[in-house]
Amino acid sequence: MLLAAERQFRAALLRIRENTTLLTRYRAGALDSDSRDWRIGAALDHLAATGELPGYPDKDGKVYTRAEGLLRGKNGGKTAGRLFLSRSELTALAVMMTDRYG
């Protein structure tokens, strides 16, 4: 169980570090404004500030987001997971901390 928790948390940590680095580069202005990374950085910046993806309301008031497809990528992953831990990843962290600190 501990090994599974370590694997799950490590994958989450690597994912969040990678996206945090991209966000830092975006905020520093180090990305070309025409690039896909810049668009991802803008969406991550909004996600970090508000906890939600940037929304665009239609004429009926329903809110859509173009960033969801951009952040989801090829694997259909969770968008908020680029910067935040999921519940199962938090549980994995709790298992590791319990094992380490009792």
PDB file of N, CA and C in Angstrom:
ATOM      1  N   MET A   1       0.821  -1.189   0.000  1.00  0.00           N
ATOM      2  CA  MET A   1       0.000   0.000   0.000  1.00  0.00           C
ATOM      3  C   MET A   1       0.870   1.260   0.000  1.00  0.00           C
ATOM      4  N   LEU A   2       1.934   1.248   0.769  1.00  0.00           N
ATOM      5  CA  LEU A   2       2.820   2.405   0.824  1.00  0.00           C
ATOM      6  C   LEU A   2       3.486   2.632  -0.527  1.00  0.00           C
ATOM      7  N   LEU A   3       3.921   1.581  -1.174  1.00  0.00           N
ATOM      8  CA  LEU A   3       4.572   1.710  -2.480  1.00  0.00           C
ATOM      9  C   LEU A   3       3.608   2.307  -3.510  1.00  0.00           C
ATOM     10  N   ALA A   4       2.370   1.874  -3.491  1.00  0.00           N
ATOM     11  CA  ALA A   4       1.361   2.423  -4.415  1.00  0.00           C
ATOM     12  C   ALA A   4       1.122   3.905  -4.131  1.00  0.00           C
ATOM     13  N   ALA A   5       1.074   4.276  -2.857  1.00  0.00           N
ATOM     14  CA  ALA A   5       0.883   5.681  -2.480  1.00  0.00           C
ATOM     15  C   ALA A   5       2.066   6.526  -2.937  1.00  0.00           C
ATOM     16  N   GLU A   6       3.274   6.004  -2.773  1.00  0.00           N
ATOM     17  CA  GLU A   6       4.465   6.737  -3.205  1.00  0.00           C
ATOM     18  C   GLU A   6       4.463   6.953  -4.715  1.00  0.00           C
ATOM     19  N   ARG A   7       4.090   5.924  -5.461  1.00  0.00           N
ATOM     20  CA  ARG A   7       4.036   6.042  -6.924  1.00  0.00           C
ATOM     21  C   ARG A   7       3.001   7.070  -7.352  1.00  0.00           C
ATOM     22  N   GLN A   8       1.836   7.004  -6.745  1.00  0.00           N
ATOM     23  CA  GLN A   8       0.772   7.929  -7.105  1.00  0.00           C
ATOM     24  C   GLN A   8       1.154   9.368  -6.776  1.00  0.00           C
ATOM     25  N   PHE A   9       1.718   9.578  -5.599  1.00  0.00           N
ATOM     26  CA  PHE A   9       2.086  10.935  -5.207  1.00  0.00           C
ATOM     27  C   PHE A   9       3.244  11.460  -6.049  1.00  0.00           C
ATOM     28  N   ARG A  10       4.207  10.611  -6.356  1.00  0.00           N
ATOM     29  CA  ARG A  10       5.344  11.057  -7.175  1.00  0.00           C
ATOM     30  C   ARG A  10       4.883  11.506  -8.552  1.00  0.00           C
ATOM     31  N   ALA A  11       3.970  10.771  -9.163  1.00  0.00           N
ATOM     32  CA  ALA A  11       3.438  11.162 -10.473  1.00  0.00           C
ATOM     33  C   ALA A  11       2.746  12.525 -10.384  1.00  0.00           C
ATOM     34  N   ALA A  12       1.977  12.734  -9.316  1.00  0.00           N
ATOM     35  CA  ALA A  12       1.295  14.011  -9.122  1.00  0.00           C
ATOM     36  C   ALA A  12       2.295  15.133  -8.904  1.00  0.00           C
ATOM     37  N   LEU A  13       3.308  14.871  -8.121  1.00  0.00           N
ATOM     38  CA  LEU A  13       4.329  15.882  -7.848  1.00  0.00           C
ATOM     39  C   LEU A  13       5.045  16.303  -9.129  1.00  0.00           C
ATOM     40  N   LEU A  14       5.411  15.345  -9.948  1.00  0.00           N
ATOM     41  CA  LEU A  14       6.083  15.658 -11.215  1.00  0.00           C
ATOM     42  C   LEU A  14       5.169  16.471 -12.131  1.00  0.00           C
ATOM     43  N   ARG A  15       3.896  16.096 -12.208  1.00  0.00           N
ATOM     44  CA  ARG A  15       2.926  16.813 -13.037  1.00  0.00           C
ATOM     45  C   ARG A  15       2.759  18.258 -12.572  1.00  0.00           C
ATOM     46  N   ILE A  16       2.630  18.446 -11.269  1.00  0.00           N
ATOM     47  CA  ILE A  16       2.424  19.785 -10.729  1.00  0.00           C
ATOM     48  C   ILE A  16       3.686  20.630 -10.891  1.00  0.00           C
ATOM     49  N   ARG A  17       4.851  20.045 -10.683  1.00  0.00           N
ATOM     50  CA  ARG A  17       6.106  20.786 -10.888  1.00  0.00           C
ATOM     51  C   ARG A  17       6.260  21.247 -12.323  1.00  0.00           C
ATOM     52  N   GLU A  18       5.962  20.358 -13.266  1.00  0.00           N
ATOM     53  CA  GLU A  18       6.079  20.699 -14.686  1.00  0.00           C
ATOM     54  C   GLU A  18       5.157  21.863 -15.048  1.00  0.00           C
ATOM     55  N   ASN A  19       3.928  21.810 -14.569  1.00  0.00           N
ATOM     56  CA  ASN A  19       2.979  22.870 -14.874  1.00  0.00           C
ATOM     57  C   ASN A  19       3.280  24.158 -14.126  1.00  0.00           C
ATOM     58  N   THR A  20       3.821  24.057 -12.928  1.00  0.00           N
ATOM     59  CA  THR A  20       4.233  25.247 -12.183  1.00  0.00           C
ATOM     60  C   THR A  20       5.386  25.944 -12.884  1.00  0.00           C
ATOM     61  N   THR A  21       6.304  25.168 -13.437  1.00  0.00           N
ATOM     62  CA  THR A  21       7.416  25.737 -14.198  1.00  0.00           C
ATOM     63  C   THR A  21       6.894  26.481 -15.424  1.00  0.00           C
ATOM     64  N   LEU A  22       5.939  25.877 -16.126  1.00  0.00           N
ATOM     65  CA  LEU A  22       5.341  26.544 -17.284  1.00  0.00           C
ATOM     66  C   LEU A  22       4.636  27.826 -16.869  1.00  0.00           C
ATOM     67  N   LEU A  23       3.921  27.798 -15.758  1.00  0.00           N
ATOM     68  CA  LEU A  23       3.234  28.981 -15.244  1.00  0.00           C
ATOM     69  C   LEU A  23       4.240  30.074 -14.887  1.00  0.00           C
ATOM     70  N   THR A  24       5.337  29.708 -14.284  1.00  0.00           N
ATOM     71  CA  THR A  24       6.377  30.676 -13.927  1.00  0.00           C
ATOM     72  C   THR A  24       6.966  31.321 -15.185  1.00  0.00           C
ATOM     73  N   ARG A  25       7.216  30.516 -16.206  1.00  0.00           N
ATOM     74  CA  ARG A  25       7.740  31.044 -17.472  1.00  0.00           C
ATOM     75  C   ARG A  25       6.718  31.982 -18.122  1.00  0.00           C
ATOM     76  N   TYR A  26       5.443  31.633 -18.047  1.00  0.00           N
ATOM     77  CA  TYR A  26       4.393  32.497 -18.585  1.00  0.00           C
ATOM     78  C   TYR A  26       4.380  33.836 -17.858  1.00  0.00           C
ATOM     79  N   ARG A  27       4.402  33.790 -16.538  1.00  0.00           N
ATOM     80  CA  ARG A  27       4.351  35.020 -15.739  1.00  0.00           C
ATOM     81  C   ARG A  27       5.582  35.895 -15.936  1.00  0.00           C
ATOM     82  N   ALA A  28       6.715  35.281 -16.271  1.00  0.00           N
ATOM     83  CA  ALA A  28       7.949  36.024 -16.515  1.00  0.00           C
ATOM     84  C   ALA A  28       8.014  36.582 -17.936  1.00  0.00           C
ATOM     85  N   GLY A  29       7.052  36.216 -18.769  1.00  0.00           N
ATOM     86  CA  GLY A  29       7.042  36.688 -20.147  1.00  0.00           C
ATOM     87  C   GLY A  29       8.032  35.962 -21.041  1.00  0.00           C
ATOM     88  N   ALA A  30       8.414  34.754 -20.650  1.00  0.00           N
ATOM     89  CA  ALA A  30       9.422  33.998 -21.389  1.00  0.00           C
ATOM     90  C   ALA A  30       8.836  33.128 -22.496  1.00  0.00           C
ATOM     91  N   LEU A  31       7.531  33.207 -22.716  1.00  0.00           N
ATOM     92  CA  LEU A  31       6.889  32.381 -23.743  1.00  0.00           C
ATOM     93  C   LEU A  31       6.425  33.260 -24.902  1.00  0.00           C
ATOM     94  N   ASP A  32       6.505  32.728 -26.112  1.00  0.00           N
ATOM     95  CA  ASP A  32       6.023  33.419 -27.302  1.00  0.00           C
ATOM     96  C   ASP A  32       4.498  33.493 -27.231  1.00  0.00           C
ATOM     97  N   SER A  33       3.939  34.684 -27.407  1.00  0.00           N
ATOM     98  CA  SER A  33       2.497  34.874 -27.240  1.00  0.00           C
ATOM     99  C   SER A  33       1.659  34.162 -28.297  1.00  0.00           C
ATOM    100  N   ASP A  34       2.280  33.640 -29.322  1.00  0.00           N
ATOM    101  CA  ASP A  34       1.556  32.874 -30.337  1.00  0.00           C
ATOM    102  C   ASP A  34       1.631  31.370 -30.108  1.00  0.00           C
ATOM    103  N   SER A  35       2.314  30.953 -29.065  1.00  0.00           N
ATOM    104  CA  SER A  35       2.549  29.525 -28.851  1.00  0.00           C
ATOM    105  C   SER A  35       1.435  28.874 -28.028  1.00  0.00           C
ATOM    106  N   ARG A  36       1.355  27.574 -28.160  1.00  0.00           N
ATOM    107  CA  ARG A  36       0.416  26.775 -27.359  1.00  0.00           C
ATOM    108  C   ARG A  36       0.773  26.876 -25.878  1.00  0.00           C
ATOM    109  N   ASP A  37       2.075  26.873 -25.563  1.00  0.00           N
ATOM    110  CA  ASP A  37       2.501  26.989 -24.162  1.00  0.00           C
ATOM    111  C   ASP A  37       2.023  28.301 -23.546  1.00  0.00           C
ATOM    112  N   TRP A  38       2.009  29.383 -24.320  1.00  0.00           N
ATOM    113  CA  TRP A  38       1.537  30.668 -23.802  1.00  0.00           C
ATOM    114  C   TRP A  38       0.052  30.578 -23.462  1.00  0.00           C
ATOM    115  N   ARG A  39      -0.738  29.945 -24.342  1.00  0.00           N
ATOM    116  CA  ARG A  39      -2.179  29.791 -24.081  1.00  0.00           C
ATOM    117  C   ARG A  39      -2.412  28.918 -22.852  1.00  0.00           C
ATOM    118  N   ILE A  40      -1.618  27.858 -22.715  1.00  0.00           N
ATOM    119  CA  ILE A  40      -1.723  27.011 -21.525  1.00  0.00           C
ATOM    120  C   ILE A  40      -1.330  27.813 -20.290  1.00  0.00           C
ATOM    121  N   GLY A  41      -0.260  28.597 -20.396  1.00  0.00           N
ATOM    122  CA  GLY A  41       0.172  29.429 -19.269  1.00  0.00           C
ATOM    123  C   GLY A  41      -0.907  30.409 -18.837  1.00  0.00           C
ATOM    124  N   ALA A  42      -1.590  31.021 -19.805  1.00  0.00           N
ATOM    125  CA  ALA A  42      -2.670  31.961 -19.478  1.00  0.00           C
ATOM    126  C   ALA A  42      -3.812  31.244 -18.749  1.00  0.00           C
ATOM    127  N   ALA A  43      -4.160  30.053 -19.219  1.00  0.00           N
ATOM    128  CA  ALA A  43      -5.226  29.281 -18.561  1.00  0.00           C
ATOM    129  C   ALA A  43      -4.789  28.847 -17.159  1.00  0.00           C
ATOM    130  N   LEU A  44      -3.528  28.424 -17.021  1.00  0.00           N
ATOM    131  CA  LEU A  44      -3.023  28.029 -15.700  1.00  0.00           C
ATOM    132  C   LEU A  44      -2.989  29.213 -14.743  1.00  0.00           C
ATOM    133  N   ASP A  45      -2.648  30.394 -15.256  1.00  0.00           N
ATOM    134  CA  ASP A  45      -2.621  31.597 -14.422  1.00  0.00           C
ATOM    135  C   ASP A  45      -4.019  31.890 -13.888  1.00  0.00           C
ATOM    136  N   HIS A  46      -5.013  31.785 -14.737  1.00  0.00           N
ATOM    137  CA  HIS A  46      -6.398  31.999 -14.307  1.00  0.00           C
ATOM    138  C   HIS A  46      -6.829  30.915 -13.327  1.00  0.00           C
ATOM    139  N   LEU A  47      -6.460  29.672 -13.616  1.00  0.00           N
ATOM    140  CA  LEU A  47      -6.785  28.550 -12.727  1.00  0.00           C
ATOM    141  C   LEU A  47      -6.154  28.739 -11.350  1.00  0.00           C
ATOM    142  N   ALA A  48      -4.897  29.197 -11.324  1.00  0.00           N
ATOM    143  CA  ALA A  48      -4.200  29.419 -10.047  1.00  0.00           C
ATOM    144  C   ALA A  48      -4.841  30.556  -9.258  1.00  0.00           C
ATOM    145  N   ALA A  49      -5.307  31.579  -9.953  1.00  0.00           N
ATOM    146  CA  ALA A  49      -5.884  32.745  -9.275  1.00  0.00           C
ATOM    147  C   ALA A  49      -7.300  32.504  -8.781  1.00  0.00           C
ATOM    148  N   THR A  50      -8.077  31.728  -9.536  1.00  0.00           N
ATOM    149  CA  THR A  50      -9.501  31.600  -9.216  1.00  0.00           C
ATOM    150  C   THR A  50      -9.936  30.194  -8.828  1.00  0.00           C
ATOM    151  N   GLY A  51      -9.136  29.190  -9.180  1.00  0.00           N
ATOM    152  CA  GLY A  51      -9.530  27.808  -8.939  1.00  0.00           C
ATOM    153  C   GLY A  51     -10.432  27.259 -10.027  1.00  0.00           C
ATOM    154  N   GLU A  52     -10.702  28.068 -11.042  1.00  0.00           N
ATOM    155  CA  GLU A  52     -11.565  27.667 -12.149  1.00  0.00           C
ATOM    156  C   GLU A  52     -10.911  28.040 -13.472  1.00  0.00           C
ATOM    157  N   LEU A  53     -11.343  27.356 -14.525  1.00  0.00           N
ATOM    158  CA  LEU A  53     -10.862  27.716 -15.855  1.00  0.00           C
ATOM    159  C   LEU A  53     -11.558  28.984 -16.331  1.00  0.00           C
ATOM    160  N   PRO A  54     -10.897  29.755 -17.203  1.00  0.00           N
ATOM    161  CA  PRO A  54     -11.558  30.955 -17.730  1.00  0.00           C
ATOM    162  C   PRO A  54     -12.792  30.557 -18.532  1.00  0.00           C
ATOM    163  N   GLY A  55     -13.893  31.225 -18.294  1.00  0.00           N
ATOM    164  CA  GLY A  55     -15.144  30.895 -18.953  1.00  0.00           C
ATOM    165  C   GLY A  55     -15.571  31.958 -19.939  1.00  0.00           C
ATOM    166  N   TYR A  56     -16.325  31.538 -20.929  1.00  0.00           N
ATOM    167  CA  TYR A  56     -16.833  32.434 -21.962  1.00  0.00           C
ATOM    168  C   TYR A  56     -18.327  32.180 -22.095  1.00  0.00           C
ATOM    169  N   PRO A  57     -19.171  33.126 -21.644  1.00  0.00           N
ATOM    170  CA  PRO A  57     -20.619  32.893 -21.713  1.00  0.00           C
ATOM    171  C   PRO A  57     -21.145  33.028 -23.148  1.00  0.00           C
ATOM    172  N   ASP A  58     -22.122  32.192 -23.487  1.00  0.00           N
ATOM    173  CA  ASP A  58     -22.779  32.341 -24.783  1.00  0.00           C
ATOM    174  C   ASP A  58     -23.994  33.259 -24.625  1.00  0.00           C
ATOM    175  N   LYS A  59     -24.756  33.442 -25.669  1.00  0.00           N
ATOM    176  CA  LYS A  59     -25.895  34.368 -25.624  1.00  0.00           C
ATOM    177  C   LYS A  59     -26.989  33.933 -24.665  1.00  0.00           C
ATOM    178  N   ASP A  60     -27.032  32.615 -24.344  1.00  0.00           N
ATOM    179  CA  ASP A  60     -28.037  32.111 -23.403  1.00  0.00           C
ATOM    180  C   ASP A  60     -27.544  32.107 -21.956  1.00  0.00           C
ATOM    181  N   GLY A  61     -26.311  32.546 -21.749  1.00  0.00           N
ATOM    182  CA  GLY A  61     -25.759  32.607 -20.406  1.00  0.00           C
ATOM    183  C   GLY A  61     -25.007  31.361 -19.968  1.00  0.00           C
ATOM    184  N   LYS A  62     -24.994  30.322 -20.795  1.00  0.00           N
ATOM    185  CA  LYS A  62     -24.245  29.115 -20.465  1.00  0.00           C
ATOM    186  C   LYS A  62     -22.760  29.395 -20.671  1.00  0.00           C
ATOM    187  N   VAL A  63     -21.952  28.985 -19.705  1.00  0.00           N
ATOM    188  CA  VAL A  63     -20.524  29.293 -19.761  1.00  0.00           C
ATOM    189  C   VAL A  63     -19.752  28.117 -20.355  1.00  0.00           C
ATOM    190  N   TYR A  64     -18.965  28.411 -21.358  1.00  0.00           N
ATOM    191  CA  TYR A  64     -18.093  27.423 -22.001  1.00  0.00           C
ATOM    192  C   TYR A  64     -16.648  27.834 -21.780  1.00  0.00           C
ATOM    193  N   THR A  65     -15.773  26.882 -21.896  1.00  0.00           N
ATOM    194  CA  THR A  65     -14.362  27.204 -21.795  1.00  0.00           C
ATOM    195  C   THR A  65     -13.607  26.563 -22.939  1.00  0.00           C
ATOM    196  N   ARG A  66     -12.798  27.362 -23.593  1.00  0.00           N
ATOM    197  CA  ARG A  66     -11.932  26.834 -24.650  1.00  0.00           C
ATOM    198  C   ARG A  66     -10.679  26.225 -24.040  1.00  0.00           C
ATOM    199  N   ALA A  67     -10.379  26.615 -22.827  1.00  0.00           N
ATOM    200  CA  ALA A  67      -9.149  26.160 -22.175  1.00  0.00           C
ATOM    201  C   ALA A  67      -9.225  24.703 -21.746  1.00  0.00           C
ATOM    202  N   GLU A  68     -10.420  24.182 -21.548  1.00  0.00           N
ATOM    203  CA  GLU A  68     -10.539  22.796 -21.076  1.00  0.00           C
ATOM    204  C   GLU A  68      -9.923  21.821 -22.077  1.00  0.00           C
ATOM    205  N   GLY A  69     -10.243  21.983 -23.337  1.00  0.00           N
ATOM    206  CA  GLY A  69      -9.642  21.126 -24.365  1.00  0.00           C
ATOM    207  C   GLY A  69      -8.145  21.325 -24.458  1.00  0.00           C
ATOM    208  N   LEU A  70      -7.703  22.557 -24.302  1.00  0.00           N
ATOM    209  CA  LEU A  70      -6.285  22.879 -24.348  1.00  0.00           C
ATOM    210  C   LEU A  70      -5.530  22.211 -23.201  1.00  0.00           C
ATOM    211  N   LEU A  71      -6.077  22.252 -22.008  1.00  0.00           N
ATOM    212  CA  LEU A  71      -5.411  21.688 -20.840  1.00  0.00           C
ATOM    213  C   LEU A  71      -5.566  20.177 -20.740  1.00  0.00           C
ATOM    214  N   ARG A  72      -6.636  19.663 -21.298  1.00  0.00           N
ATOM    215  CA  ARG A  72      -6.871  18.231 -21.216  1.00  0.00           C
ATOM    216  C   ARG A  72      -5.859  17.464 -22.047  1.00  0.00           C
ATOM    217  N   GLY A  73      -5.501  17.997 -23.195  1.00  0.00           N
ATOM    218  CA  GLY A  73      -4.499  17.355 -24.031  1.00  0.00           C
ATOM    219  C   GLY A  73      -4.976  16.048 -24.634  1.00  0.00           C
ATOM    220  N   LYS A  74      -4.062  15.213 -25.007  1.00  0.00           N
ATOM    221  CA  LYS A  74      -4.363  13.967 -25.706  1.00  0.00           C
ATOM    222  C   LYS A  74      -4.964  12.908 -24.801  1.00  0.00           C
ATOM    223  N   ASN A  75      -4.627  12.921 -23.519  1.00  0.00           N
ATOM    224  CA  ASN A  75      -5.037  11.852 -22.621  1.00  0.00           C
ATOM    225  C   ASN A  75      -6.373  12.093 -21.930  1.00  0.00           C
ATOM    226  N   GLY A  76      -6.979  13.248 -22.128  1.00  0.00           N
ATOM    227  CA  GLY A  76      -8.259  13.514 -21.481  1.00  0.00           C
ATOM    228  C   GLY A  76      -8.146  13.629 -19.971  1.00  0.00           C
ATOM    229  N   GLY A  77      -7.029  14.138 -19.493  1.00  0.00           N
ATOM    230  CA  GLY A  77      -6.799  14.249 -18.054  1.00  0.00           C
ATOM    231  C   GLY A  77      -7.587  15.373 -17.424  1.00  0.00           C
ATOM    232  N   LYS A  78      -7.528  15.467 -16.125  1.00  0.00           N
ATOM    233  CA  LYS A  78      -8.240  16.498 -15.388  1.00  0.00           C
ATOM    234  C   LYS A  78      -7.489  17.824 -15.504  1.00  0.00           C
ATOM    235  N   THR A  79      -8.232  18.888 -15.718  1.00  0.00           N
ATOM    236  CA  THR A  79      -7.603  20.175 -15.934  1.00  0.00           C
ATOM    237  C   THR A  79      -7.050  20.780 -14.651  1.00  0.00           C
ATOM    238  N   ALA A  80      -7.805  20.745 -13.564  1.00  0.00           N
ATOM    239  CA  ALA A  80      -7.330  21.328 -12.309  1.00  0.00           C
ATOM    240  C   ALA A  80      -6.142  20.549 -11.765  1.00  0.00           C
ATOM    241  N   GLY A  81      -6.014  19.303 -12.158  1.00  0.00           N
ATOM    242  CA  GLY A  81      -4.901  18.474 -11.706  1.00  0.00           C
ATOM    243  C   GLY A  81      -3.552  18.947 -12.190  1.00  0.00           C
ATOM    244  N   ARG A  82      -3.533  19.879 -13.111  1.00  0.00           N
ATOM    245  CA  ARG A  82      -2.253  20.410 -13.559  1.00  0.00           C
ATOM    246  C   ARG A  82      -1.563  21.195 -12.444  1.00  0.00           C
ATOM    247  N   LEU A  83      -2.343  21.752 -11.513  1.00  0.00           N
ATOM    248  CA  LEU A  83      -1.764  22.542 -10.423  1.00  0.00           C
ATOM    249  C   LEU A  83      -2.123  22.042  -9.030  1.00  0.00           C
ATOM    250  N   PHE A  84      -3.122  21.185  -8.919  1.00  0.00           N
ATOM    251  CA  PHE A  84      -3.614  20.776  -7.613  1.00  0.00           C
ATOM    252  C   PHE A  84      -3.689  19.255  -7.503  1.00  0.00           C
ATOM    253  N   LEU A  85      -3.590  18.756  -6.290  1.00  0.00           N
ATOM    254  CA  LEU A  85      -3.724  17.322  -6.033  1.00  0.00           C
ATOM    255  C   LEU A  85      -5.196  16.924  -6.078  1.00  0.00           C
ATOM    256  N   SER A  86      -5.447  15.712  -6.560  1.00  0.00           N
ATOM    257  CA  SER A  86      -6.803  15.156  -6.508  1.00  0.00           C
ATOM    258  C   SER A  86      -7.024  14.562  -5.112  1.00  0.00           C
ATOM    259  N   ARG A  87      -8.237  14.125  -4.843  1.00  0.00           N
ATOM    260  CA  ARG A  87      -8.531  13.513  -3.539  1.00  0.00           C
ATOM    261  C   ARG A  87      -7.721  12.242  -3.314  1.00  0.00           C
ATOM    262  N   SER A  88      -7.597  11.434  -4.355  1.00  0.00           N
ATOM    263  CA  SER A  88      -6.836  10.192  -4.191  1.00  0.00           C
ATOM    264  C   SER A  88      -5.349  10.487  -3.990  1.00  0.00           C
ATOM    265  N   GLU A  89      -4.852  11.544  -4.614  1.00  0.00           N
ATOM    266  CA  GLU A  89      -3.448  11.926  -4.416  1.00  0.00           C
ATOM    267  C   GLU A  89      -3.228  12.495  -3.017  1.00  0.00           C
ATOM    268  N   LEU A  90      -4.212  13.220  -2.501  1.00  0.00           N
ATOM    269  CA  LEU A  90      -4.136  13.697  -1.117  1.00  0.00           C
ATOM    270  C   LEU A  90      -4.149  12.524  -0.144  1.00  0.00           C
ATOM    271  N   THR A  91      -4.948  11.515  -0.456  1.00  0.00           N
ATOM    272  CA  THR A  91      -4.986  10.316   0.374  1.00  0.00           C
ATOM    273  C   THR A  91      -3.639   9.611   0.349  1.00  0.00           C
ATOM    274  N   ALA A  92      -3.024   9.538  -0.823  1.00  0.00           N
ATOM    275  CA  ALA A  92      -1.696   8.930  -0.936  1.00  0.00           C
ATOM    276  C   ALA A  92      -0.688   9.692  -0.086  1.00  0.00           C
ATOM    277  N   LEU A  93      -0.764  11.022  -0.109  1.00  0.00           N
ATOM    278  CA  LEU A  93       0.120  11.835   0.727  1.00  0.00           C
ATOM    279  C   LEU A  93      -0.123  11.558   2.207  1.00  0.00           C
ATOM    280  N   ALA A  94      -1.380  11.431   2.600  1.00  0.00           N
ATOM    281  CA  ALA A  94      -1.711  11.137   3.997  1.00  0.00           C
ATOM    282  C   ALA A  94      -1.167   9.775   4.416  1.00  0.00           C
ATOM    283  N   VAL A  95      -1.242   8.791   3.534  1.00  0.00           N
ATOM    284  CA  VAL A  95      -0.701   7.463   3.823  1.00  0.00           C
ATOM    285  C   VAL A  95       0.808   7.556   4.040  1.00  0.00           C
ATOM    286  N   MET A  96       1.481   8.300   3.172  1.00  0.00           N
ATOM    287  CA  MET A  96       2.935   8.449   3.301  1.00  0.00           C
ATOM    288  C   MET A  96       3.311   9.178   4.596  1.00  0.00           C
ATOM    289  N   MET A  97       2.565  10.226   4.925  1.00  0.00           N
ATOM    290  CA  MET A  97       2.871  10.982   6.148  1.00  0.00           C
ATOM    291  C   MET A  97       2.593  10.153   7.390  1.00  0.00           C
ATOM    292  N   THR A  98       1.509   9.384   7.362  1.00  0.00           N
ATOM    293  CA  THR A  98       1.188   8.521   8.490  1.00  0.00           C
ATOM    294  C   THR A  98       2.272   7.485   8.698  1.00  0.00           C
ATOM    295  N   ASP A  99       2.752   6.901   7.605  1.00  0.00           N
ATOM    296  CA  ASP A  99       3.831   5.911   7.700  1.00  0.00           C
ATOM    297  C   ASP A  99       5.107   6.548   8.259  1.00  0.00           C
ATOM    298  N   ARG A 100       5.396   7.737   7.818  1.00  0.00           N
ATOM    299  CA  ARG A 100       6.651   8.395   8.207  1.00  0.00           C
ATOM    300  C   ARG A 100       6.605   8.959   9.624  1.00  0.00           C
ATOM    301  N   TYR A 101       5.508   9.616   9.953  1.00  0.00           N
ATOM    302  CA  TYR A 101       5.445  10.334  11.232  1.00  0.00           C
ATOM    303  C   TYR A 101       4.538   9.679  12.268  1.00  0.00           C
ATOM    304  N   GLY A 102       3.894   8.575  11.888  1.00  0.00           N
ATOM    305  CA  GLY A 102       3.081   7.815  12.837  1.00  0.00           C
ATOM    306  C   GLY A 102       1.837   8.509  13.148  1.00  0.00           C
TER     307      GLY A 102
END
